[in-house]
Protein backbone atom coordinates (compact mmCIF):
# COMPACT_ATOMS: atom_id res chain seq x y z
CA UNK A 1 188.97 187.72 111.54
CA UNK A 2 187.94 184.31 112.91
CA UNK A 3 191.13 182.62 111.79
CA UNK A 4 189.25 180.12 109.59
CA UNK A 5 190.72 179.31 106.20
CA UNK A 6 188.33 180.31 103.39
CA UNK A 7 189.05 177.02 101.56
CA UNK A 8 187.77 174.94 104.48
CA UNK A 9 184.45 176.80 104.46
CA UNK A 10 183.83 176.02 100.80
CA UNK A 11 185.12 172.44 101.15
CA UNK A 12 182.60 171.67 103.90
CA UNK A 13 179.82 173.23 101.87
CA UNK A 14 180.64 171.07 98.84
CA UNK A 15 180.86 167.93 100.99
CA UNK A 16 177.44 168.62 102.49
CA UNK A 17 175.96 168.99 99.01
CA UNK A 18 177.59 165.73 97.85
CA UNK A 19 176.26 163.94 100.93
CA UNK A 20 172.73 165.15 100.20
CA UNK A 21 172.99 163.87 96.62
CA UNK A 22 174.25 160.50 97.84
CA UNK A 23 171.46 160.28 100.43
CA UNK A 24 168.95 160.88 97.65
CA UNK A 25 170.55 158.12 95.54
CA UNK A 26 170.48 155.72 98.50
CA UNK A 27 166.77 156.34 98.97
CA UNK A 28 166.21 155.67 95.26
CA UNK A 29 168.04 152.33 95.51
CA UNK A 30 165.95 151.41 98.55
CA UNK A 31 162.79 151.68 96.46
CA UNK A 32 163.94 148.69 94.38
CA UNK A 33 166.11 146.98 97.01
CA UNK A 34 164.40 147.78 100.34
CA UNK A 35 166.63 145.63 102.54
CA UNK A 36 170.06 146.77 101.33
CA UNK A 37 172.36 147.81 104.16
CA UNK A 38 175.46 149.93 103.61
CA UNK A 39 177.63 147.12 102.20
CA UNK A 40 175.19 145.99 99.52
CA UNK A 41 174.40 149.61 98.71
CA UNK A 42 178.11 150.27 98.20
CA UNK A 43 178.48 147.26 95.89
CA UNK A 44 175.38 148.24 93.95
CA UNK A 45 176.46 151.86 93.56
CA UNK A 46 180.15 151.14 93.03
CA UNK A 47 181.43 153.39 95.82
CA UNK A 48 183.28 152.98 99.11
CA UNK A 49 181.18 151.35 101.83
CA UNK A 50 182.58 153.67 104.54
CA UNK A 51 181.20 156.69 102.69
CA UNK A 52 177.79 155.05 102.38
CA UNK A 53 177.77 154.18 106.08
CA UNK A 54 178.74 157.73 107.05
CA UNK A 55 175.98 159.27 104.94
CA UNK A 56 173.37 156.78 106.20
CA UNK A 57 174.25 157.67 109.79
CA UNK A 58 174.31 161.38 109.00
CA UNK A 59 170.80 161.36 107.50
CA UNK A 60 169.48 158.50 109.69
CA UNK A 61 168.75 156.30 106.66
CA UNK A 62 167.77 152.72 107.45
CA UNK A 63 166.53 149.86 105.25
CA UNK A 64 162.72 150.18 105.02
CA UNK A 65 161.99 146.56 105.99
CA UNK A 66 162.28 144.98 109.40
CA UNK A 67 162.59 141.30 110.29
CA UNK A 68 159.80 139.23 111.85
CA UNK A 69 160.65 135.73 113.05
CA UNK A 70 158.25 132.83 112.48
CA UNK A 71 158.57 129.13 113.17
CA UNK A 72 156.24 126.32 112.09
CA UNK A 73 158.29 123.15 112.71
CA UNK A 74 156.67 120.11 114.32
CA UNK A 75 159.52 117.69 115.00
CA UNK A 76 159.44 113.91 114.96
CA UNK A 77 161.65 111.20 116.46
CA UNK A 78 160.65 108.45 114.01
CA UNK A 79 163.90 108.52 112.03
CA UNK A 80 167.63 107.90 112.41
CA UNK A 81 168.99 110.85 110.40
CA UNK A 82 171.67 113.09 111.88
CA UNK A 83 173.31 116.36 110.96
CA UNK A 84 175.84 115.67 108.19
CA UNK A 85 176.76 119.28 107.42
CA UNK A 86 178.20 120.62 110.67
CA UNK A 87 181.69 120.91 109.21
CA UNK A 88 180.79 120.96 105.53
CA UNK A 89 181.59 123.90 103.26
CA UNK A 90 180.23 123.23 99.75
CA UNK A 91 182.74 123.61 96.93
CA UNK A 92 180.49 122.95 93.93
CA UNK A 93 176.89 123.06 92.78
CA UNK A 94 174.41 120.36 93.83
CA UNK A 95 176.67 119.20 96.63
CA UNK A 96 174.29 120.44 99.30
CA UNK A 97 170.64 121.42 99.09
CA UNK A 98 168.92 122.87 102.13
CA UNK A 99 165.18 123.22 102.58
CA UNK A 100 162.76 124.66 105.08
CA UNK A 101 159.13 125.65 105.49
CA UNK A 102 157.73 128.99 106.56
CA UNK A 103 154.22 130.34 106.80
CA UNK A 104 152.21 133.44 105.99
CA UNK A 105 148.94 134.36 107.66
CA UNK A 106 146.79 136.01 105.01
CA UNK A 107 143.21 137.14 105.60
CA UNK A 108 142.98 134.90 108.67
CA UNK A 109 144.23 131.76 106.90
CA UNK A 110 147.67 130.16 106.88
CA UNK A 111 149.70 129.58 103.73
CA UNK A 112 152.92 127.59 103.75
CA UNK A 113 156.00 128.11 101.59
CA UNK A 114 158.68 125.45 101.03
CA UNK A 115 161.89 126.41 99.27
CA UNK A 116 165.07 124.56 98.33
CA UNK A 117 168.42 126.33 98.07
CA UNK A 118 171.71 125.21 96.57
CA UNK A 119 174.13 126.34 99.26
CA UNK A 120 177.13 126.74 96.97
CA UNK A 121 175.37 129.16 94.61
CA UNK A 122 172.76 130.37 97.17
CA UNK A 123 170.20 130.05 94.39
CA UNK A 124 166.62 129.05 95.19
CA UNK A 125 166.10 125.99 93.01
CA UNK A 126 162.36 125.70 93.56
CA UNK A 127 159.61 127.00 95.82
CA UNK A 128 156.01 125.88 96.30
CA UNK A 129 153.14 127.42 98.26
CA UNK A 130 150.16 125.55 99.63
CA UNK A 131 147.44 125.52 102.25
CA UNK A 132 148.64 122.26 103.81
CA UNK A 133 151.79 121.97 105.90
CA UNK A 134 152.57 118.41 104.77
CA UNK A 135 154.91 116.02 102.98
CA UNK A 136 153.16 116.43 99.62
CA UNK A 137 154.16 120.09 99.53
CA UNK A 138 157.78 119.17 100.29
CA UNK A 139 157.82 116.33 97.78
CA UNK A 140 156.40 118.58 95.06
CA UNK A 141 159.12 121.16 95.74
CA UNK A 142 161.87 118.53 95.55
CA UNK A 143 160.53 117.11 92.29
CA UNK A 144 160.35 120.60 90.80
CA UNK A 145 163.98 121.34 91.76
CA UNK A 146 165.13 118.09 90.13
CA UNK A 147 163.10 118.87 87.01
CA UNK A 148 164.34 122.48 86.81
CA UNK A 149 168.03 121.64 87.13
CA UNK A 150 168.12 118.01 85.95
CA UNK A 151 170.19 117.09 88.98
CA UNK A 152 169.96 115.78 92.53
CA UNK A 153 172.09 116.77 95.51
CA UNK A 154 174.72 114.72 97.27
CA UNK A 155 173.17 115.80 100.57
CA UNK A 156 169.66 117.10 101.30
CA UNK A 157 169.45 118.95 104.63
CA UNK A 158 166.38 120.10 106.58
CA UNK A 159 165.09 120.24 110.12
CA UNK A 160 163.26 117.33 111.77
CA UNK A 161 159.83 118.54 110.70
CA UNK A 162 157.30 115.79 110.07
CA UNK A 163 156.84 116.98 106.49
CA UNK A 164 160.57 116.40 105.76
CA UNK A 165 161.00 113.17 107.70
CA UNK A 166 157.93 111.51 106.14
CA UNK A 167 158.75 108.20 104.42
CA UNK A 168 157.32 109.41 101.12
CA UNK A 169 159.96 112.16 101.10
CA UNK A 170 162.97 110.28 102.49
CA UNK A 171 162.34 107.19 100.33
CA UNK A 172 162.11 109.36 97.21
CA UNK A 173 165.41 111.09 97.96
CA UNK A 174 167.21 107.88 98.86
CA UNK A 175 166.03 106.27 95.63
CA UNK A 176 168.37 108.75 93.89
CA UNK A 177 171.24 107.95 96.25
CA UNK A 178 170.83 111.22 98.15
CA UNK A 179 172.16 111.36 101.72
CA UNK A 180 169.64 112.88 104.13
CA UNK A 181 170.81 115.26 106.84
CA UNK A 182 168.67 116.64 109.67
CA UNK A 183 169.32 119.35 112.24
CA UNK A 184 169.23 118.39 115.88
CA UNK A 185 165.90 119.01 117.54
CA UNK A 186 165.36 122.62 118.69
CA UNK A 187 168.52 123.72 116.86
CA UNK A 188 167.33 126.06 114.08
CA UNK A 189 170.84 127.50 113.68
CA UNK A 190 171.90 124.13 112.20
CA UNK A 191 169.75 125.03 109.22
CA UNK A 192 170.97 128.60 109.33
CA UNK A 193 171.09 129.02 105.57
CA UNK A 194 167.33 128.68 105.28
CA UNK A 195 166.60 130.48 108.54
CA UNK A 196 168.52 133.43 107.14
CA UNK A 197 166.80 133.19 103.78
CA UNK A 198 163.27 133.24 105.19
CA UNK A 199 164.12 135.93 107.72
CA UNK A 200 165.39 138.27 105.02
CA UNK A 201 162.73 137.22 102.55
CA UNK A 202 159.90 138.24 104.90
CA UNK A 203 161.85 141.33 105.89
CA UNK A 204 161.95 142.48 102.27
CA UNK A 205 158.50 141.27 101.30
CA UNK A 206 156.67 143.54 103.72
CA UNK A 207 153.00 143.49 104.69
CA UNK A 208 151.26 140.55 103.03
CA UNK A 209 147.81 141.98 103.77
CA UNK A 210 148.29 144.66 101.13
CA UNK A 211 146.94 142.14 98.60
CA UNK A 212 143.26 141.56 97.86
CA UNK A 213 143.44 137.89 96.86
CA UNK A 214 145.58 134.84 97.57
CA UNK A 215 146.42 134.71 93.86
CA UNK A 216 147.98 138.17 94.05
CA UNK A 217 149.92 137.13 97.17
CA UNK A 218 151.30 133.98 95.53
CA UNK A 219 152.24 135.82 92.33
CA UNK A 220 154.19 138.42 94.31
CA UNK A 221 155.95 135.78 96.43
CA UNK A 222 157.15 133.95 93.32
CA UNK A 223 158.16 137.29 91.82
CA UNK A 224 160.16 138.10 94.96
CA UNK A 225 161.97 134.76 94.73
CA UNK A 226 162.85 135.53 91.11
CA UNK A 227 164.15 138.94 92.26
CA UNK A 228 166.24 137.20 94.95
CA UNK A 229 167.80 134.87 92.38
CA UNK A 230 168.27 137.26 89.48
CA UNK A 231 168.79 140.80 90.83
CA UNK A 232 169.38 140.99 94.58
CA UNK A 233 173.05 141.12 95.59
CA UNK A 234 173.92 138.33 98.03
CA UNK A 235 176.47 139.45 100.62
CA UNK A 236 178.39 136.15 100.52
CA UNK A 237 178.71 136.34 96.72
CA UNK A 238 178.72 140.11 96.09
CA UNK A 239 176.38 139.42 93.17
CA UNK A 240 172.95 137.81 92.60
CA UNK A 241 172.90 134.01 93.03
CA UNK A 242 171.84 133.28 89.44
CA UNK A 243 174.72 135.42 88.12
CA UNK A 244 177.16 133.52 90.31
CA UNK A 245 175.67 130.15 89.23
CA UNK A 246 176.15 131.05 85.57
CA UNK A 247 179.82 131.78 86.22
CA UNK A 248 180.55 128.42 87.86
């Protein structure tokens, strides 16, 4: 009587049911991978990204975590290093390491995290936490990366923070023949790899004050870095960094 084909009625009903099932599966994935947008969800689930996007919009599904920006750089002019990576696209491992420092305020006290990333593989090579925002924390992180991977980079890039430009750090790197690169002052986008890493890392990590002790906080941060390397799909690689590194 209404001029509507019976098949279209049933087809829409089946589509709605399939969408509900997919929405449920997306929410399940978000429990383990809370920052996955529609592209990473599609890669993880092995389905078309347009379908995932449509269902997320339909059911108003958004990644549970939200980004918070933090900066803790204190720049220095007591060096002659310049940005060597403006036009560089790494083509192999250990060609370019980038490093940065970020902070967490936990129970009224600041904790600092330094990490080093191989930009070709996007793998975090080492990460150290400490109470002091200083060169010793950076130097310890560099030494750990060298020990872990038995290699040094061709270029080591960071911002102009005093902890990176300290002689104890630059002299150590140069003793291995490493070229030192530094972003221009007040130009965080020139170290965009690490800015992106820390932004997403904090986005996914969530509320740090859910822990009772600093030991629990540190253990979970190191666990999250391991998750980033081993399990989390990187959009530039379409696979976890450690998986990509093992294939190169």
